[in-house]
Amino acid sequence: MGGAGPNGLPMTDPLDHVFAALADRTRREILTMLLEDDMAVTDVAEPFEMSLAAISKHLGILTRAGLISQEKRGRVKWCKLEPDALRDASIWMQSFGQFEAVNLDAFERFLEAEIDGPSGGSDRAD
């Protein structure tokens, strides 16, 4: 799995490829379509206002990321969602779920109380 990341360095971690693939709205829409069932490439391309070649590039990126697989059935190329790559990304993202959302109003009140605290504000002598 080659390719360069935003810093120009090669992407070596499979998660790099997954998140790079998910960064594009068209590719996310394709994945959503494939949640329903396997689809022929031409059916995947139908709702998009872009060439079949452009869709094929998107499908190639999704395939290299392991998010989909493609196989020939007769003369038709089919796309299938591969959920394992998404599972790994989901597990990684869930590790951030241990942090509770910060209540900014409460945090602001806390800071004001600390600043105005028992010393009456500033400890500086004028």
N, C-alpha and C. Protein backbone atom coordinates (compact mmCIF):
# COMPACT_ATOMS: atom_id res chain seq x y z
N MET A 1 0.83 -1.18 0.00
CA MET A 1 0.00 0.00 0.00
C MET A 1 0.88 1.24 0.00
N GLY A 2 1.06 1.85 -1.13
CA GLY A 2 1.89 3.04 -1.25
C GLY A 2 1.07 4.28 -1.03
N GLY A 3 1.59 5.38 -1.51
CA GLY A 3 0.90 6.65 -1.40
C GLY A 3 1.57 7.53 -0.38
N ALA A 4 1.41 8.82 -0.59
CA ALA A 4 2.02 9.77 0.33
C ALA A 4 0.94 10.44 1.15
N GLY A 5 1.27 10.71 2.40
CA GLY A 5 0.35 11.41 3.28
C GLY A 5 0.47 12.91 3.08
N PRO A 6 -0.27 13.70 3.87
CA PRO A 6 -0.27 15.15 3.71
C PRO A 6 1.11 15.77 3.93
N ASN A 7 1.97 15.12 4.69
CA ASN A 7 3.30 15.66 4.94
C ASN A 7 4.32 15.18 3.92
N GLY A 8 3.85 14.47 2.89
CA GLY A 8 4.74 14.00 1.84
C GLY A 8 5.42 12.68 2.15
N LEU A 9 5.30 12.21 3.39
CA LEU A 9 5.91 10.94 3.78
C LEU A 9 5.00 9.79 3.37
N PRO A 10 5.58 8.61 3.10
CA PRO A 10 4.75 7.48 2.70
C PRO A 10 3.80 7.05 3.82
N MET A 11 2.59 6.65 3.41
CA MET A 11 1.63 6.12 4.38
C MET A 11 1.89 4.63 4.51
N THR A 12 2.26 4.21 5.71
CA THR A 12 2.57 2.80 5.91
C THR A 12 1.54 2.11 6.78
N ASP A 13 0.88 2.83 7.65
CA ASP A 13 -0.12 2.27 8.55
C ASP A 13 -1.43 2.08 7.76
N PRO A 14 -2.04 0.90 7.83
CA PRO A 14 -3.31 0.71 7.13
C PRO A 14 -4.37 1.74 7.50
N LEU A 15 -4.35 2.20 8.75
CA LEU A 15 -5.32 3.23 9.14
C LEU A 15 -5.12 4.52 8.37
N ASP A 16 -3.88 4.83 7.99
CA ASP A 16 -3.62 6.03 7.17
C ASP A 16 -4.42 5.95 5.88
N HIS A 17 -4.42 4.79 5.25
CA HIS A 17 -5.14 4.61 3.99
C HIS A 17 -6.65 4.68 4.20
N VAL A 18 -7.11 4.11 5.30
CA VAL A 18 -8.55 4.14 5.59
C VAL A 18 -9.02 5.58 5.78
N PHE A 19 -8.31 6.34 6.62
CA PHE A 19 -8.75 7.70 6.88
C PHE A 19 -8.57 8.59 5.66
N ALA A 20 -7.53 8.36 4.85
CA ALA A 20 -7.36 9.12 3.61
C ALA A 20 -8.53 8.84 2.67
N ALA A 21 -8.95 7.58 2.59
CA ALA A 21 -10.07 7.23 1.73
C ALA A 21 -11.38 7.84 2.25
N LEU A 22 -11.56 7.85 3.56
CA LEU A 22 -12.79 8.38 4.15
C LEU A 22 -12.84 9.90 4.10
N ALA A 23 -11.73 10.55 3.81
CA ALA A 23 -11.70 12.01 3.79
C ALA A 23 -12.48 12.60 2.62
N ASP A 24 -12.81 11.80 1.65
CA ASP A 24 -13.51 12.29 0.46
C ASP A 24 -14.99 11.96 0.53
N ARG A 25 -15.83 12.97 0.31
CA ARG A 25 -17.29 12.79 0.40
C ARG A 25 -17.81 11.76 -0.60
N THR A 26 -17.31 11.77 -1.81
CA THR A 26 -17.77 10.81 -2.83
C THR A 26 -17.51 9.39 -2.37
N ARG A 27 -16.33 9.16 -1.83
CA ARG A 27 -16.00 7.80 -1.37
C ARG A 27 -16.87 7.39 -0.18
N ARG A 28 -17.17 8.33 0.70
CA ARG A 28 -18.09 8.00 1.81
C ARG A 28 -19.48 7.66 1.28
N GLU A 29 -19.93 8.38 0.27
CA GLU A 29 -21.24 8.08 -0.33
C GLU A 29 -21.24 6.71 -0.98
N ILE A 30 -20.14 6.36 -1.63
CA ILE A 30 -20.03 5.03 -2.25
C ILE A 30 -20.13 3.95 -1.17
N LEU A 31 -19.43 4.14 -0.06
CA LEU A 31 -19.50 3.16 1.03
C LEU A 31 -20.92 3.03 1.56
N THR A 32 -21.61 4.14 1.68
CA THR A 32 -23.00 4.11 2.16
C THR A 32 -23.87 3.31 1.20
N MET A 33 -23.66 3.51 -0.10
CA MET A 33 -24.42 2.75 -1.10
C MET A 33 -24.15 1.25 -0.97
N LEU A 34 -22.89 0.90 -0.69
CA LEU A 34 -22.52 -0.52 -0.62
C LEU A 34 -22.97 -1.18 0.68
N LEU A 35 -23.45 -0.39 1.64
CA LEU A 35 -24.02 -0.97 2.86
C LEU A 35 -25.22 -1.84 2.52
N GLU A 36 -25.96 -1.44 1.49
CA GLU A 36 -27.18 -2.16 1.10
C GLU A 36 -26.87 -3.51 0.49
N ASP A 37 -25.94 -3.52 -0.46
CA ASP A 37 -25.66 -4.77 -1.18
C ASP A 37 -24.46 -4.54 -2.09
N ASP A 38 -23.91 -5.61 -2.65
CA ASP A 38 -22.87 -5.51 -3.66
C ASP A 38 -23.47 -4.77 -4.86
N MET A 39 -22.61 -4.03 -5.56
CA MET A 39 -23.10 -3.28 -6.72
C MET A 39 -22.10 -3.38 -7.86
N ALA A 40 -22.64 -3.36 -9.08
CA ALA A 40 -21.79 -3.28 -10.26
C ALA A 40 -21.20 -1.87 -10.32
N VAL A 41 -19.99 -1.77 -10.86
CA VAL A 41 -19.32 -0.47 -10.95
C VAL A 41 -20.20 0.55 -11.67
N THR A 42 -20.86 0.14 -12.73
CA THR A 42 -21.71 1.09 -13.46
C THR A 42 -22.87 1.58 -12.60
N ASP A 43 -23.39 0.72 -11.72
CA ASP A 43 -24.47 1.14 -10.81
C ASP A 43 -23.94 2.09 -9.74
N VAL A 44 -22.71 1.85 -9.29
CA VAL A 44 -22.09 2.76 -8.32
C VAL A 44 -21.93 4.14 -8.95
N ALA A 45 -21.53 4.18 -10.20
CA ALA A 45 -21.26 5.44 -10.89
C ALA A 45 -22.52 6.24 -11.20
N GLU A 46 -23.65 5.56 -11.35
CA GLU A 46 -24.87 6.19 -11.86
C GLU A 46 -25.28 7.48 -11.14
N PRO A 47 -25.34 7.53 -9.81
CA PRO A 47 -25.83 8.76 -9.17
C PRO A 47 -24.85 9.94 -9.19
N PHE A 48 -23.62 9.72 -9.61
CA PHE A 48 -22.60 10.76 -9.56
C PHE A 48 -22.45 11.45 -10.91
N GLU A 49 -22.23 12.74 -10.87
CA GLU A 49 -22.01 13.49 -12.10
C GLU A 49 -20.52 13.57 -12.39
N MET A 50 -19.94 12.41 -12.66
CA MET A 50 -18.53 12.33 -13.03
C MET A 50 -18.34 11.12 -13.94
N SER A 51 -17.21 11.09 -14.59
CA SER A 51 -16.95 10.01 -15.55
C SER A 51 -16.76 8.68 -14.84
N LEU A 52 -16.92 7.62 -15.60
CA LEU A 52 -16.68 6.27 -15.09
C LEU A 52 -15.21 6.13 -14.68
N ALA A 53 -14.31 6.79 -15.40
CA ALA A 53 -12.88 6.75 -15.05
C ALA A 53 -12.64 7.39 -13.68
N ALA A 54 -13.33 8.50 -13.40
CA ALA A 54 -13.18 9.16 -12.09
C ALA A 54 -13.71 8.27 -10.97
N ILE A 55 -14.85 7.62 -11.21
CA ILE A 55 -15.40 6.70 -10.21
C ILE A 55 -14.44 5.53 -10.01
N SER A 56 -13.85 5.04 -11.10
CA SER A 56 -12.89 3.93 -10.98
C SER A 56 -11.70 4.32 -10.11
N LYS A 57 -11.26 5.57 -10.21
CA LYS A 57 -10.16 6.03 -9.34
C LYS A 57 -10.59 6.01 -7.87
N HIS A 58 -11.80 6.49 -7.60
CA HIS A 58 -12.32 6.44 -6.23
C HIS A 58 -12.40 4.99 -5.73
N LEU A 59 -12.88 4.10 -6.59
CA LEU A 59 -12.99 2.69 -6.20
C LEU A 59 -11.61 2.08 -5.96
N GLY A 60 -10.62 2.48 -6.74
CA GLY A 60 -9.25 2.00 -6.53
C GLY A 60 -8.71 2.42 -5.17
N ILE A 61 -8.99 3.66 -4.77
CA ILE A 61 -8.54 4.15 -3.47
C ILE A 61 -9.22 3.37 -2.35
N LEU A 62 -10.53 3.15 -2.50
CA LEU A 62 -11.27 2.37 -1.49
C LEU A 62 -10.76 0.94 -1.42
N THR A 63 -10.41 0.37 -2.57
CA THR A 63 -9.89 -1.00 -2.61
C THR A 63 -8.52 -1.08 -1.93
N ARG A 64 -7.63 -0.14 -2.26
CA ARG A 64 -6.29 -0.14 -1.63
C ARG A 64 -6.37 0.07 -0.13
N ALA A 65 -7.39 0.79 0.33
CA ALA A 65 -7.57 0.99 1.77
C ALA A 65 -8.19 -0.23 2.44
N GLY A 66 -8.64 -1.21 1.63
CA GLY A 66 -9.25 -2.41 2.18
C GLY A 66 -10.71 -2.22 2.54
N LEU A 67 -11.30 -1.08 2.15
CA LEU A 67 -12.69 -0.79 2.50
C LEU A 67 -13.69 -1.51 1.60
N ILE A 68 -13.26 -1.79 0.37
CA ILE A 68 -14.10 -2.56 -0.55
C ILE A 68 -13.23 -3.59 -1.26
N SER A 69 -13.89 -4.57 -1.85
CA SER A 69 -13.20 -5.49 -2.76
C SER A 69 -13.94 -5.40 -4.09
N GLN A 70 -13.23 -5.74 -5.15
CA GLN A 70 -13.82 -5.74 -6.48
C GLN A 70 -13.56 -7.10 -7.11
N GLU A 71 -14.56 -7.61 -7.79
CA GLU A 71 -14.38 -8.89 -8.48
C GLU A 71 -15.18 -8.90 -9.77
N LYS A 72 -14.65 -9.62 -10.74
CA LYS A 72 -15.35 -9.78 -12.02
C LYS A 72 -16.32 -10.94 -11.91
N ARG A 73 -17.54 -10.69 -12.31
CA ARG A 73 -18.55 -11.74 -12.43
C ARG A 73 -19.04 -11.69 -13.87
N GLY A 74 -18.54 -12.60 -14.67
CA GLY A 74 -18.83 -12.53 -16.11
C GLY A 74 -18.10 -11.34 -16.68
N ARG A 75 -18.85 -10.45 -17.34
CA ARG A 75 -18.24 -9.26 -17.93
C ARG A 75 -18.41 -8.03 -17.05
N VAL A 76 -18.98 -8.21 -15.86
CA VAL A 76 -19.30 -7.08 -14.99
C VAL A 76 -18.40 -7.09 -13.76
N LYS A 77 -17.87 -5.93 -13.43
CA LYS A 77 -17.05 -5.79 -12.24
C LYS A 77 -17.95 -5.33 -11.09
N TRP A 78 -17.90 -6.07 -9.97
CA TRP A 78 -18.74 -5.80 -8.81
C TRP A 78 -17.91 -5.27 -7.65
N CYS A 79 -18.55 -4.47 -6.82
CA CYS A 79 -17.92 -3.91 -5.63
C CYS A 79 -18.65 -4.43 -4.40
N LYS A 80 -17.87 -4.74 -3.37
CA LYS A 80 -18.42 -5.28 -2.13
C LYS A 80 -17.76 -4.57 -0.95
N LEU A 81 -18.56 -4.18 0.01
CA LEU A 81 -18.06 -3.54 1.22
C LEU A 81 -17.29 -4.56 2.05
N GLU A 82 -16.13 -4.16 2.56
CA GLU A 82 -15.31 -5.00 3.44
C GLU A 82 -15.26 -4.32 4.80
N PRO A 83 -16.09 -4.76 5.75
CA PRO A 83 -16.25 -4.02 7.01
C PRO A 83 -15.06 -4.09 7.97
N ASP A 84 -14.12 -5.01 7.78
CA ASP A 84 -13.02 -5.14 8.74
C ASP A 84 -12.17 -3.88 8.83
N ALA A 85 -11.90 -3.24 7.69
CA ALA A 85 -11.08 -2.02 7.72
C ALA A 85 -11.80 -0.92 8.48
N LEU A 86 -13.10 -0.83 8.33
CA LEU A 86 -13.88 0.17 9.08
C LEU A 86 -13.90 -0.18 10.56
N ARG A 87 -13.93 -1.46 10.87
CA ARG A 87 -13.94 -1.89 12.26
C ARG A 87 -12.66 -1.43 12.97
N ASP A 88 -11.52 -1.60 12.31
CA ASP A 88 -10.25 -1.18 12.89
C ASP A 88 -10.23 0.34 13.13
N ALA A 89 -10.74 1.09 12.18
CA ALA A 89 -10.80 2.55 12.33
C ALA A 89 -11.75 2.92 13.47
N SER A 90 -12.86 2.22 13.57
CA SER A 90 -13.83 2.49 14.62
C SER A 90 -13.24 2.21 16.00
N ILE A 91 -12.51 1.12 16.11
CA ILE A 91 -11.86 0.78 17.39
C ILE A 91 -10.87 1.87 17.78
N TRP A 92 -10.11 2.36 16.80
CA TRP A 92 -9.14 3.42 17.07
C TRP A 92 -9.86 4.69 17.54
N MET A 93 -10.96 5.05 16.87
CA MET A 93 -11.69 6.27 17.24
C MET A 93 -12.36 6.12 18.60
N GLN A 94 -12.81 4.92 18.94
CA GLN A 94 -13.47 4.72 20.23
C GLN A 94 -12.52 4.96 21.40
N SER A 95 -11.22 4.85 21.17
CA SER A 95 -10.28 5.10 22.26
C SER A 95 -10.37 6.55 22.73
N PHE A 96 -10.90 7.43 21.89
CA PHE A 96 -11.06 8.83 22.29
C PHE A 96 -12.37 9.04 23.03
N GLY A 97 -13.22 8.04 23.08
CA GLY A 97 -14.50 8.16 23.77
C GLY A 97 -14.38 8.23 25.27
N GLN A 98 -13.20 7.94 25.80
CA GLN A 98 -13.01 7.98 27.25
C GLN A 98 -13.04 9.40 27.78
N PHE A 99 -12.87 10.38 26.88
CA PHE A 99 -12.87 11.77 27.30
C PHE A 99 -14.29 12.32 27.20
N GLU A 100 -14.75 12.93 28.27
CA GLU A 100 -16.08 13.52 28.24
C GLU A 100 -16.01 14.87 27.55
N ALA A 101 -17.11 15.23 26.93
CA ALA A 101 -17.17 16.54 26.29
C ALA A 101 -17.01 17.63 27.34
N VAL A 102 -16.30 18.66 26.99
CA VAL A 102 -16.05 19.76 27.92
C VAL A 102 -17.22 20.72 27.88
N ASN A 103 -17.76 21.04 29.04
CA ASN A 103 -18.79 22.06 29.14
C ASN A 103 -18.06 23.40 29.22
N LEU A 104 -18.05 24.13 28.11
CA LEU A 104 -17.25 25.35 28.04
C LEU A 104 -17.75 26.42 29.01
N ASP A 105 -19.06 26.50 29.26
CA ASP A 105 -19.57 27.49 30.21
C ASP A 105 -19.07 27.20 31.61
N ALA A 106 -19.12 25.92 32.00
CA ALA A 106 -18.64 25.55 33.33
C ALA A 106 -17.14 25.78 33.44
N PHE A 107 -16.41 25.50 32.35
CA PHE A 107 -14.97 25.71 32.36
C PHE A 107 -14.64 27.20 32.50
N GLU A 108 -15.42 28.03 31.82
CA GLU A 108 -15.21 29.48 31.91
C GLU A 108 -15.48 29.96 33.34
N ARG A 109 -16.54 29.47 33.97
CA ARG A 109 -16.84 29.85 35.36
C ARG A 109 -15.71 29.39 36.29
N PHE A 110 -15.18 28.19 36.05
CA PHE A 110 -14.08 27.68 36.85
C PHE A 110 -12.87 28.60 36.73
N LEU A 111 -12.53 28.97 35.51
CA LEU A 111 -11.38 29.84 35.29
C LEU A 111 -11.58 31.20 35.95
N GLU A 112 -12.78 31.75 35.85
CA GLU A 112 -13.06 33.05 36.49
C GLU A 112 -12.91 32.94 38.00
N ALA A 113 -13.39 31.82 38.56
CA ALA A 113 -13.27 31.63 40.01
C ALA A 113 -11.80 31.50 40.42
N GLU A 114 -11.01 30.83 39.59
CA GLU A 114 -9.59 30.68 39.89
C GLU A 114 -8.87 32.01 39.80
N ILE A 115 -9.21 32.79 38.81
CA ILE A 115 -8.56 34.09 38.61
C ILE A 115 -8.97 35.06 39.71
N ASP A 116 -10.27 35.07 40.05
CA ASP A 116 -10.78 35.99 41.07
C ASP A 116 -10.64 35.41 42.46
N GLY A 117 -10.17 34.21 42.59
CA GLY A 117 -10.07 33.43 43.83
C GLY A 117 -9.82 34.21 45.11
N PRO A 118 -9.39 33.52 46.15
CA PRO A 118 -9.27 34.09 47.49
C PRO A 118 -8.32 35.28 47.57
N SER A 119 -7.37 35.37 46.66
CA SER A 119 -6.42 36.48 46.75
C SER A 119 -6.98 37.76 46.13
N GLY A 120 -8.20 37.69 45.67
CA GLY A 120 -8.86 38.89 45.12
C GLY A 120 -8.37 39.27 43.76
N GLY A 121 -7.83 38.34 43.03
CA GLY A 121 -7.41 38.63 41.66
C GLY A 121 -5.92 38.46 41.50
N SER A 122 -5.25 39.52 41.18
CA SER A 122 -3.83 39.44 40.83
C SER A 122 -2.94 39.39 42.05
N ASP A 123 -1.86 38.63 41.94
CA ASP A 123 -0.86 38.57 43.01
C ASP A 123 0.25 39.59 42.80
N ARG A 124 0.15 40.39 41.75
CA ARG A 124 1.20 41.37 41.43
C ARG A 124 1.08 42.60 42.32
N ALA A 125 2.19 43.16 42.64
CA ALA A 125 2.19 44.45 43.33
C ALA A 125 2.39 45.53 42.30
N ASP A 126 1.61 46.59 42.39
CA ASP A 126 1.74 47.68 41.41
C ASP A 126 2.73 48.71 41.84
